[in-house]
Amino acid sequence: MSDGSSGEGAKGAAPSRRKDARRNKEALLDAAAAVFVTSGVDAPVRDIAAAAGVGVGTIYRHFPTRADLIIAVYRHQVDACAEAGPALLAGGATPHAALGEWVALFVDFLVTKHGLAAVLHSDEAGFDALHAYFLDRLVPVCGQLLEAARAAGEIRSDIDAYALMRGVGNLCIGAESDPRYDARRLVELLIAGLRSPRHPLTGR
């Protein structure tokens, strides 16, 4: 006669297995993102598998096509950028400093997504959905950081999250193709320029 302990053990093991599977998938996506940065989205799957420490079959089991993998990497990076915002705000010296750190992460994301748009343009519906996900996840986070900096009197009030992100995105255009073009430096100047005229650090 069973005392029920094996059933309880199975129930406890299931969440643990799901958690392990999620961690393994995230590690695979991190490895793929790193390979994409150095070799572009056309990098051989075997290189991604080697970086992740898994077999090629494991990648195809999770992501049957290259487009599936690219989209998953993109969403994973968007999620990481979104989750960083509140953490930076909680641990930053000031809201403006947290905003600057988050925008730096956003710039890194923008300038390292090698070849993504070109690959996805073959599936306009998929690209549109991904762009909507990008906006839905990141605009509110940027808005939260801006609002905190405004409430602290650190930045001017006449800029919204979408406009700022569009501006940053425009400054990043061409960063991949011209090594002399320093998008990060220009974005730093943009963020510094958000300072409120009344803030002590503006010197006014």
C-alpha atoms as a PDB file:
ATOM      1  CA  MET A   1       0.000   0.000   0.000  1.00  0.00           C
ATOM      2  CA  SER A   2       1.444   3.368  -1.012  1.00  0.00           C
ATOM      3  CA  ASP A   3       1.775   6.171   1.537  1.00  0.00           C
ATOM      4  CA  GLY A   4       1.499   8.811  -1.204  1.00  0.00           C
ATOM      5  CA  SER A   5       5.081  10.015  -0.850  1.00  0.00           C
ATOM      6  CA  SER A   6       6.035   8.990  -4.393  1.00  0.00           C
ATOM      7  CA  GLY A   7       3.173  11.065  -5.783  1.00  0.00           C
ATOM      8  CA  GLU A   8       4.250  14.095  -3.763  1.00  0.00           C
ATOM      9  CA  GLY A   9       7.824  13.595  -4.959  1.00  0.00           C
ATOM     10  CA  ALA A  10       6.695  13.497  -8.577  1.00  0.00           C
ATOM     11  CA  LYS A  11       4.708  16.698  -8.088  1.00  0.00           C
ATOM     12  CA  GLY A  12       7.746  18.399  -6.576  1.00  0.00           C
ATOM     13  CA  ALA A  13      10.036  17.178  -9.326  1.00  0.00           C
ATOM     14  CA  ALA A  14       7.895  18.526 -12.158  1.00  0.00           C
ATOM     15  CA  PRO A  15       8.357  22.250 -11.316  1.00  0.00           C
ATOM     16  CA  SER A  16      12.054  21.604 -10.777  1.00  0.00           C
ATOM     17  CA  ARG A  17      12.370  20.009 -14.225  1.00  0.00           C
ATOM     18  CA  ARG A  18      10.474  22.912 -15.788  1.00  0.00           C
ATOM     19  CA  LYS A  19      12.772  25.380 -14.057  1.00  0.00           C
ATOM     20  CA  ASP A  20      15.856  23.510 -15.264  1.00  0.00           C
ATOM     21  CA  ALA A  21      14.471  23.380 -18.803  1.00  0.00           C
ATOM     22  CA  ARG A  22      13.797  27.126 -18.716  1.00  0.00           C
ATOM     23  CA  ARG A  23      17.329  27.843 -17.479  1.00  0.00           C
ATOM     24  CA  ASN A  24      18.815  25.615 -20.173  1.00  0.00           C
ATOM     25  CA  LYS A  25      16.788  27.351 -22.862  1.00  0.00           C
ATOM     26  CA  GLU A  26      17.842  30.773 -21.581  1.00  0.00           C
ATOM     27  CA  ALA A  27      21.497  29.684 -21.593  1.00  0.00           C
ATOM     28  CA  LEU A  28      21.075  28.524 -25.176  1.00  0.00           C
ATOM     29  CA  LEU A  29      19.566  31.884 -26.153  1.00  0.00           C
ATOM     30  CA  ASP A  30      22.390  33.759 -24.412  1.00  0.00           C
ATOM     31  CA  ALA A  31      24.931  31.674 -26.330  1.00  0.00           C
ATOM     32  CA  ALA A  32      23.120  32.270 -29.628  1.00  0.00           C
ATOM     33  CA  ALA A  33      23.010  36.018 -28.964  1.00  0.00           C
ATOM     34  CA  ALA A  34      26.760  36.074 -28.302  1.00  0.00           C
ATOM     35  CA  VAL A  35      27.448  34.184 -31.540  1.00  0.00           C
ATOM     36  CA  PHE A  36      25.156  36.524 -33.475  1.00  0.00           C
ATOM     37  CA  VAL A  37      27.118  39.519 -32.169  1.00  0.00           C
ATOM     38  CA  THR A  38      30.440  38.152 -33.400  1.00  0.00           C
ATOM     39  CA  SER A  39      29.337  36.260 -36.513  1.00  0.00           C
ATOM     40  CA  GLY A  40      25.892  37.577 -37.479  1.00  0.00           C
ATOM     41  CA  VAL A  41      22.593  35.731 -37.666  1.00  0.00           C
ATOM     42  CA  ASP A  42      23.869  33.487 -40.467  1.00  0.00           C
ATOM     43  CA  ALA A  43      26.379  31.827 -38.129  1.00  0.00           C
ATOM     44  CA  PRO A  44      26.412  28.012 -38.425  1.00  0.00           C
ATOM     45  CA  VAL A  45      24.112  26.263 -35.973  1.00  0.00           C
ATOM     46  CA  ARG A  46      27.035  24.043 -34.931  1.00  0.00           C
ATOM     47  CA  ASP A  47      28.846  27.177 -33.662  1.00  0.00           C
ATOM     48  CA  ILE A  48      25.836  28.114 -31.547  1.00  0.00           C
ATOM     49  CA  ALA A  49      25.565  24.553 -30.239  1.00  0.00           C
ATOM     50  CA  ALA A  50      29.269  24.547 -29.318  1.00  0.00           C
ATOM     51  CA  ALA A  51      28.944  27.887 -27.499  1.00  0.00           C
ATOM     52  CA  ALA A  52      25.921  26.581 -25.589  1.00  0.00           C
ATOM     53  CA  GLY A  53      27.527  23.226 -24.830  1.00  0.00           C
ATOM     54  CA  VAL A  54      24.684  21.257 -26.400  1.00  0.00           C
ATOM     55  CA  GLY A  55      24.172  19.132 -29.489  1.00  0.00           C
ATOM     56  CA  VAL A  56      22.847  20.552 -32.739  1.00  0.00           C
ATOM     57  CA  GLY A  57      19.757  18.379 -32.324  1.00  0.00           C
ATOM     58  CA  THR A  58      18.910  20.163 -29.077  1.00  0.00           C
ATOM     59  CA  ILE A  59      18.772  23.497 -30.874  1.00  0.00           C
ATOM     60  CA  TYR A  60      16.540  22.143 -33.631  1.00  0.00           C
ATOM     61  CA  ARG A  61      14.298  20.521 -31.038  1.00  0.00           C
ATOM     62  CA  HIS A  62      13.668  23.928 -29.463  1.00  0.00           C
ATOM     63  CA  PHE A  63      13.845  25.983 -32.666  1.00  0.00           C
ATOM     64  CA  PRO A  64      12.975  24.075 -35.865  1.00  0.00           C
ATOM     65  CA  THR A  65      14.029  26.941 -38.156  1.00  0.00           C
ATOM     66  CA  ARG A  66      16.683  29.652 -38.023  1.00  0.00           C
ATOM     67  CA  ALA A  67      13.929  32.285 -38.006  1.00  0.00           C
ATOM     68  CA  ASP A  68      12.463  30.644 -34.879  1.00  0.00           C
ATOM     69  CA  LEU A  69      15.843  30.914 -33.156  1.00  0.00           C
ATOM     70  CA  ILE A  70      16.433  34.508 -34.223  1.00  0.00           C
ATOM     71  CA  ILE A  71      12.990  35.597 -33.047  1.00  0.00           C
ATOM     72  CA  ALA A  72      13.494  33.810 -29.711  1.00  0.00           C
ATOM     73  CA  VAL A  73      16.892  35.480 -29.223  1.00  0.00           C
ATOM     74  CA  TYR A  74      15.410  38.877 -30.024  1.00  0.00           C
ATOM     75  CA  ARG A  75      12.512  38.403 -27.585  1.00  0.00           C
ATOM     76  CA  HIS A  76      14.902  37.111 -24.918  1.00  0.00           C
ATOM     77  CA  GLN A  77      17.082  40.210 -25.273  1.00  0.00           C
ATOM     78  CA  VAL A  78      14.057  42.502 -25.211  1.00  0.00           C
ATOM     79  CA  ASP A  79      12.898  40.790 -22.004  1.00  0.00           C
ATOM     80  CA  ALA A  80      16.340  41.170 -20.411  1.00  0.00           C
ATOM     81  CA  CYS A  81      16.406  44.869 -21.296  1.00  0.00           C
ATOM     82  CA  ALA A  82      12.897  45.357 -19.912  1.00  0.00           C
ATOM     83  CA  GLU A  83      13.698  43.559 -16.653  1.00  0.00           C
ATOM     84  CA  ALA A  84      16.876  45.598 -16.171  1.00  0.00           C
ATOM     85  CA  GLY A  85      14.969  48.882 -15.921  1.00  0.00           C
ATOM     86  CA  PRO A  86      13.335  48.413 -12.500  1.00  0.00           C
ATOM     87  CA  ALA A  87      16.492  46.779 -11.125  1.00  0.00           C
ATOM     88  CA  LEU A  88      18.648  49.722 -12.199  1.00  0.00           C
ATOM     89  CA  LEU A  89      16.135  52.178 -10.787  1.00  0.00           C
ATOM     90  CA  ALA A  90      16.116  50.371  -7.444  1.00  0.00           C
ATOM     91  CA  GLY A  91      19.903  50.155  -7.208  1.00  0.00           C
ATOM     92  CA  GLY A  92      21.057  53.275  -9.022  1.00  0.00           C
ATOM     93  CA  ALA A  93      22.621  56.299  -7.354  1.00  0.00           C
ATOM     94  CA  THR A  94      19.938  58.531  -8.889  1.00  0.00           C
ATOM     95  CA  PRO A  95      17.036  58.026 -11.316  1.00  0.00           C
ATOM     96  CA  HIS A  96      18.991  59.918 -14.005  1.00  0.00           C
ATOM     97  CA  ALA A  97      21.965  57.595 -13.512  1.00  0.00           C
ATOM     98  CA  ALA A  98      19.646  54.589 -13.776  1.00  0.00           C
ATOM     99  CA  LEU A  99      18.163  56.056 -16.966  1.00  0.00           C
ATOM    100  CA  GLY A 100      21.639  56.482 -18.428  1.00  0.00           C
ATOM    101  CA  GLU A 101      22.619  52.913 -17.575  1.00  0.00           C
ATOM    102  CA  TRP A 102      19.415  51.530 -19.049  1.00  0.00           C
ATOM    103  CA  VAL A 103      19.755  53.516 -22.258  1.00  0.00           C
ATOM    104  CA  ALA A 104      23.328  52.179 -22.557  1.00  0.00           C
ATOM    105  CA  LEU A 105      21.911  48.644 -22.406  1.00  0.00           C
ATOM    106  CA  PHE A 106      19.308  49.624 -24.986  1.00  0.00           C
ATOM    107  CA  VAL A 107      22.051  50.938 -27.283  1.00  0.00           C
ATOM    108  CA  ASP A 108      24.018  47.699 -26.904  1.00  0.00           C
ATOM    109  CA  PHE A 109      20.896  45.809 -27.888  1.00  0.00           C
ATOM    110  CA  LEU A 110      20.288  47.997 -30.944  1.00  0.00           C
ATOM    111  CA  VAL A 111      23.828  47.930 -32.320  1.00  0.00           C
ATOM    112  CA  THR A 112      24.382  44.189 -31.868  1.00  0.00           C
ATOM    113  CA  LYS A 113      21.247  42.689 -33.459  1.00  0.00           C
ATOM    114  CA  HIS A 114      23.229  41.894 -36.621  1.00  0.00           C
ATOM    115  CA  GLY A 115      21.087  41.176 -39.666  1.00  0.00           C
ATOM    116  CA  LEU A 116      17.857  40.651 -37.755  1.00  0.00           C
ATOM    117  CA  ALA A 117      15.643  42.937 -39.810  1.00  0.00           C
ATOM    118  CA  ALA A 118      16.906  41.576 -43.129  1.00  0.00           C
ATOM    119  CA  VAL A 119      16.135  38.015 -42.089  1.00  0.00           C
ATOM    120  CA  LEU A 120      12.673  38.807 -40.789  1.00  0.00           C
ATOM    121  CA  HIS A 121      11.605  40.906 -43.759  1.00  0.00           C
ATOM    122  CA  SER A 122      10.833  37.629 -45.532  1.00  0.00           C
ATOM    123  CA  ASP A 123       7.985  37.242 -43.021  1.00  0.00           C
ATOM    124  CA  GLU A 124       6.376  40.652 -42.673  1.00  0.00           C
ATOM    125  CA  ALA A 125       3.720  39.417 -40.231  1.00  0.00           C
ATOM    126  CA  GLY A 126       6.382  37.970 -37.940  1.00  0.00           C
ATOM    127  CA  PHE A 127       8.445  41.145 -38.102  1.00  0.00           C
ATOM    128  CA  ASP A 128       5.439  43.341 -37.316  1.00  0.00           C
ATOM    129  CA  ALA A 129       4.553  41.186 -34.311  1.00  0.00           C
ATOM    130  CA  LEU A 130       8.128  41.353 -33.054  1.00  0.00           C
ATOM    131  CA  HIS A 131       8.259  45.126 -33.433  1.00  0.00           C
ATOM    132  CA  ALA A 132       5.002  45.427 -31.483  1.00  0.00           C
ATOM    133  CA  TYR A 133       6.470  43.217 -28.733  1.00  0.00           C
ATOM    134  CA  PHE A 134       9.561  45.437 -28.624  1.00  0.00           C
ATOM    135  CA  LEU A 135       7.448  48.562 -28.116  1.00  0.00           C
ATOM    136  CA  ASP A 136       5.028  46.962 -25.646  1.00  0.00           C
ATOM    137  CA  ARG A 137       7.869  45.757 -23.418  1.00  0.00           C
ATOM    138  CA  LEU A 138      10.361  48.619 -23.591  1.00  0.00           C
ATOM    139  CA  VAL A 139       8.400  51.870 -23.930  1.00  0.00           C
ATOM    140  CA  PRO A 140       6.733  51.476 -20.477  1.00  0.00           C
ATOM    141  CA  VAL A 141      10.114  50.719 -18.869  1.00  0.00           C
ATOM    142  CA  CYS A 142      11.672  53.795 -20.431  1.00  0.00           C
ATOM    143  CA  GLY A 143       8.631  55.777 -19.311  1.00  0.00           C
ATOM    144  CA  GLN A 144       9.058  54.569 -15.729  1.00  0.00           C
ATOM    145  CA  LEU A 145      12.704  55.677 -15.698  1.00  0.00           C
ATOM    146  CA  LEU A 146      11.867  59.069 -17.210  1.00  0.00           C
ATOM    147  CA  GLU A 147       9.045  59.644 -14.727  1.00  0.00           C
ATOM    148  CA  ALA A 148      11.316  58.818 -11.778  1.00  0.00           C
ATOM    149  CA  ALA A 149      13.973  61.234 -13.043  1.00  0.00           C
ATOM    150  CA  ARG A 150      11.324  63.920 -13.611  1.00  0.00           C
ATOM    151  CA  ALA A 151       9.894  63.414 -10.121  1.00  0.00           C
ATOM    152  CA  ALA A 152      13.398  63.850  -8.697  1.00  0.00           C
ATOM    153  CA  GLY A 153      13.741  67.140 -10.593  1.00  0.00           C
ATOM    154  CA  GLU A 154      16.696  65.790 -12.571  1.00  0.00           C
ATOM    155  CA  ILE A 155      15.411  66.077 -16.133  1.00  0.00           C
ATOM    156  CA  ARG A 156      13.206  68.328 -18.197  1.00  0.00           C
ATOM    157  CA  SER A 157       9.567  67.360 -18.611  1.00  0.00           C
ATOM    158  CA  ASP A 158       9.120  67.814 -22.373  1.00  0.00           C
ATOM    159  CA  ILE A 159      10.294  64.391 -23.568  1.00  0.00           C
ATOM    160  CA  ASP A 160       8.325  61.157 -23.681  1.00  0.00           C
ATOM    161  CA  ALA A 161       9.559  57.581 -23.754  1.00  0.00           C
ATOM    162  CA  TYR A 162       8.692  56.789 -27.358  1.00  0.00           C
ATOM    163  CA  ALA A 163      10.332  59.950 -28.688  1.00  0.00           C
ATOM    164  CA  LEU A 164      13.480  59.281 -26.668  1.00  0.00           C
ATOM    165  CA  MET A 165      13.717  55.688 -27.871  1.00  0.00           C
ATOM    166  CA  ARG A 166      13.197  56.778 -31.480  1.00  0.00           C
ATOM    167  CA  GLY A 167      15.930  59.359 -31.062  1.00  0.00           C
ATOM    168  CA  VAL A 168      18.333  56.827 -29.576  1.00  0.00           C
ATOM    169  CA  GLY A 169      17.487  54.386 -32.350  1.00  0.00           C
ATOM    170  CA  ASN A 170      18.206  56.986 -35.017  1.00  0.00           C
ATOM    171  CA  LEU A 171      21.584  57.757 -33.441  1.00  0.00           C
ATOM    172  CA  CYS A 172      22.445  54.061 -33.624  1.00  0.00           C
ATOM    173  CA  ILE A 173      21.864  53.813 -37.376  1.00  0.00           C
ATOM    174  CA  GLY A 174      25.137  53.148 -39.147  1.00  0.00           C
ATOM    175  CA  ALA A 175      27.015  52.058 -36.012  1.00  0.00           C
ATOM    176  CA  GLU A 176      27.487  48.538 -37.401  1.00  0.00           C
ATOM    177  CA  SER A 177      28.942  49.619 -40.729  1.00  0.00           C
ATOM    178  CA  ASP A 178      31.243  52.487 -39.697  1.00  0.00           C
ATOM    179  CA  PRO A 179      33.800  51.779 -36.951  1.00  0.00           C
ATOM    180  CA  ARG A 180      34.547  55.513 -36.655  1.00  0.00           C
ATOM    181  CA  TYR A 181      30.959  56.253 -35.680  1.00  0.00           C
ATOM    182  CA  ASP A 182      30.521  56.141 -31.904  1.00  0.00           C
ATOM    183  CA  ALA A 183      26.780  55.860 -31.297  1.00  0.00           C
ATOM    184  CA  ARG A 184      27.272  55.263 -27.587  1.00  0.00           C
ATOM    185  CA  ARG A 185      29.077  58.572 -27.122  1.00  0.00           C
ATOM    186  CA  LEU A 186      26.374  60.494 -28.979  1.00  0.00           C
ATOM    187  CA  VAL A 187      23.653  58.835 -26.911  1.00  0.00           C
ATOM    188  CA  GLU A 188      25.523  59.759 -23.714  1.00  0.00           C
ATOM    189  CA  LEU A 189      25.436  63.388 -24.855  1.00  0.00           C
ATOM    190  CA  LEU A 190      21.714  63.074 -25.562  1.00  0.00           C
ATOM    191  CA  ILE A 191      20.995  61.731 -22.070  1.00  0.00           C
ATOM    192  CA  ALA A 192      23.170  64.419 -20.492  1.00  0.00           C
ATOM    193  CA  GLY A 193      21.144  66.979 -22.437  1.00  0.00           C
ATOM    194  CA  LEU A 194      17.938  65.850 -20.737  1.00  0.00           C
ATOM    195  CA  ARG A 195      19.074  67.508 -17.522  1.00  0.00           C
ATOM    196  CA  SER A 196      16.621  70.009 -16.122  1.00  0.00           C
ATOM    197  CA  PRO A 197      17.813  73.628 -16.462  1.00  0.00           C
ATOM    198  CA  ARG A 198      17.099  73.965 -12.739  1.00  0.00           C
ATOM    199  CA  HIS A 199      19.189  70.966 -11.734  1.00  0.00           C
ATOM    200  CA  PRO A 200      22.450  71.812  -9.903  1.00  0.00           C
ATOM    201  CA  LEU A 201      24.555  69.632 -12.212  1.00  0.00           C
ATOM    202  CA  THR A 202      23.670  71.756 -15.226  1.00  0.00           C
ATOM    203  CA  GLY A 203      25.632  74.592 -13.697  1.00  0.00           C
ATOM    204  CA  ARG A 204      22.826  77.061 -14.232  1.00  0.00           C
END
